[in-house]
N, C-alpha and C. Protein backbone atom coordinates (compact mmCIF):
# COMPACT_ATOMS: atom_id res chain seq x y z
N ILE A 1 -12.70 52.37 85.47
CA ILE A 1 -14.00 51.77 85.20
C ILE A 1 -15.06 52.76 85.65
N LEU A 2 -15.93 53.13 84.74
CA LEU A 2 -16.98 54.10 85.06
C LEU A 2 -18.28 53.42 85.43
N GLY A 3 -18.51 52.21 84.96
CA GLY A 3 -19.76 51.52 85.24
C GLY A 3 -19.75 50.16 84.58
N ALA A 4 -20.80 49.39 84.85
CA ALA A 4 -20.92 48.05 84.27
C ALA A 4 -22.39 47.69 84.15
N HIS A 5 -22.72 47.01 83.07
CA HIS A 5 -24.06 46.49 82.85
C HIS A 5 -23.93 45.03 82.47
N LEU A 6 -24.65 44.17 83.14
CA LEU A 6 -24.61 42.74 82.84
C LEU A 6 -26.03 42.22 82.70
N ILE A 7 -26.23 41.35 81.73
CA ILE A 7 -27.52 40.69 81.54
C ILE A 7 -27.25 39.21 81.36
N GLY A 8 -27.93 38.37 82.11
CA GLY A 8 -27.77 36.94 81.95
C GLY A 8 -27.82 36.23 83.28
N PRO A 9 -27.70 34.91 83.22
CA PRO A 9 -27.76 34.13 84.45
C PRO A 9 -26.54 34.39 85.35
N HIS A 10 -26.78 34.45 86.63
CA HIS A 10 -25.74 34.60 87.66
C HIS A 10 -25.01 35.94 87.60
N CYS A 11 -25.64 36.96 87.04
CA CYS A 11 -25.02 38.29 86.98
C CYS A 11 -24.84 38.89 88.36
N GLU A 12 -25.68 38.49 89.30
CA GLU A 12 -25.58 39.06 90.65
C GLU A 12 -24.24 38.75 91.29
N GLU A 13 -23.61 37.67 90.89
CA GLU A 13 -22.29 37.33 91.42
C GLU A 13 -21.21 38.23 90.81
N THR A 14 -21.26 38.40 89.52
CA THR A 14 -20.22 39.13 88.81
C THR A 14 -20.33 40.64 89.00
N ILE A 15 -21.53 41.17 89.08
CA ILE A 15 -21.69 42.63 89.20
C ILE A 15 -21.09 43.14 90.51
N ASN A 16 -21.07 42.30 91.53
CA ASN A 16 -20.44 42.70 92.80
C ASN A 16 -18.95 42.95 92.63
N LEU A 17 -18.31 42.20 91.76
CA LEU A 17 -16.88 42.42 91.50
C LEU A 17 -16.65 43.76 90.83
N PHE A 18 -17.54 44.11 89.89
CA PHE A 18 -17.42 45.42 89.26
C PHE A 18 -17.70 46.53 90.26
N ALA A 19 -18.66 46.35 91.13
CA ALA A 19 -18.97 47.36 92.15
C ALA A 19 -17.77 47.58 93.07
N MET A 20 -17.11 46.49 93.46
CA MET A 20 -15.92 46.59 94.30
C MET A 20 -14.80 47.31 93.55
N ALA A 21 -14.63 46.98 92.28
CA ALA A 21 -13.57 47.60 91.48
C ALA A 21 -13.80 49.10 91.34
N ILE A 22 -15.04 49.50 91.12
CA ILE A 22 -15.34 50.92 90.99
C ILE A 22 -15.11 51.64 92.31
N LYS A 23 -15.58 51.05 93.40
CA LYS A 23 -15.45 51.70 94.71
C LYS A 23 -13.99 51.85 95.13
N THR A 24 -13.17 50.87 94.82
CA THR A 24 -11.76 50.92 95.22
C THR A 24 -10.85 51.49 94.13
N LYS A 25 -11.47 51.98 93.03
CA LYS A 25 -10.73 52.62 91.93
C LYS A 25 -9.69 51.69 91.31
N MET A 26 -10.07 50.43 91.14
CA MET A 26 -9.19 49.47 90.49
C MET A 26 -9.14 49.78 88.99
N THR A 27 -8.03 49.41 88.37
CA THR A 27 -7.90 49.56 86.93
C THR A 27 -8.21 48.23 86.25
N ILE A 28 -8.33 48.27 84.94
CA ILE A 28 -8.54 47.05 84.17
C ILE A 28 -7.36 46.10 84.39
N SER A 29 -6.16 46.64 84.45
CA SER A 29 -4.97 45.81 84.70
C SER A 29 -5.06 45.11 86.05
N ASP A 30 -5.57 45.81 87.06
CA ASP A 30 -5.74 45.20 88.38
C ASP A 30 -6.70 44.02 88.30
N LEU A 31 -7.81 44.20 87.61
CA LEU A 31 -8.80 43.13 87.49
C LEU A 31 -8.25 41.94 86.72
N ARG A 32 -7.48 42.20 85.70
CA ARG A 32 -6.93 41.11 84.88
C ARG A 32 -5.95 40.24 85.65
N THR A 33 -5.31 40.80 86.68
CA THR A 33 -4.33 40.02 87.44
C THR A 33 -4.94 39.27 88.61
N MET A 34 -6.23 39.47 88.87
CA MET A 34 -6.87 38.78 89.99
C MET A 34 -7.06 37.30 89.65
N VAL A 35 -7.00 36.45 90.67
CA VAL A 35 -7.21 35.02 90.52
C VAL A 35 -8.55 34.67 91.14
N PHE A 36 -9.40 33.97 90.38
CA PHE A 36 -10.72 33.57 90.85
C PHE A 36 -10.81 32.06 90.90
N SER A 37 -11.66 31.56 91.80
CA SER A 37 -11.88 30.12 91.85
C SER A 37 -12.57 29.69 90.56
N TYR A 38 -12.35 28.44 90.16
CA TYR A 38 -12.92 27.93 88.92
C TYR A 38 -13.67 26.65 89.23
N PRO A 39 -14.78 26.38 88.69
CA PRO A 39 -15.56 27.18 87.74
C PRO A 39 -16.57 28.05 88.47
N THR A 40 -16.53 29.31 88.22
CA THR A 40 -17.54 30.26 88.69
C THR A 40 -17.74 31.30 87.60
N MET A 41 -18.80 32.06 87.71
CA MET A 41 -19.02 33.13 86.75
C MET A 41 -17.92 34.18 86.87
N ALA A 42 -17.40 34.37 88.07
CA ALA A 42 -16.34 35.35 88.28
C ALA A 42 -15.07 34.98 87.53
N SER A 43 -14.84 33.69 87.33
CA SER A 43 -13.63 33.28 86.62
C SER A 43 -13.66 33.72 85.15
N ASP A 44 -14.83 34.07 84.63
CA ASP A 44 -14.94 34.56 83.25
C ASP A 44 -14.73 36.07 83.15
N LEU A 45 -14.51 36.72 84.26
CA LEU A 45 -14.36 38.18 84.28
C LEU A 45 -13.25 38.65 83.35
N THR A 46 -12.13 37.96 83.34
CA THR A 46 -11.00 38.40 82.51
C THR A 46 -11.34 38.36 81.03
N TYR A 47 -12.26 37.50 80.61
CA TYR A 47 -12.68 37.45 79.21
C TYR A 47 -13.61 38.61 78.85
N MET A 48 -14.23 39.22 79.85
CA MET A 48 -15.15 40.33 79.62
C MET A 48 -14.42 41.65 79.45
N LEU A 49 -13.17 41.72 79.88
CA LEU A 49 -12.45 43.00 79.89
C LEU A 49 -11.74 43.26 78.58
């Protein structure tokens, strides 16, 4: 992951996940296997990838 741009409501929650993924050099596969609480904006992360 080289970067991320998000526009919309509650982006401040989701962008932190991308920042963590970039800092820790996570792959897309790593992000897809993560489990998030539901319903939150973070739970939609797997649909964005």
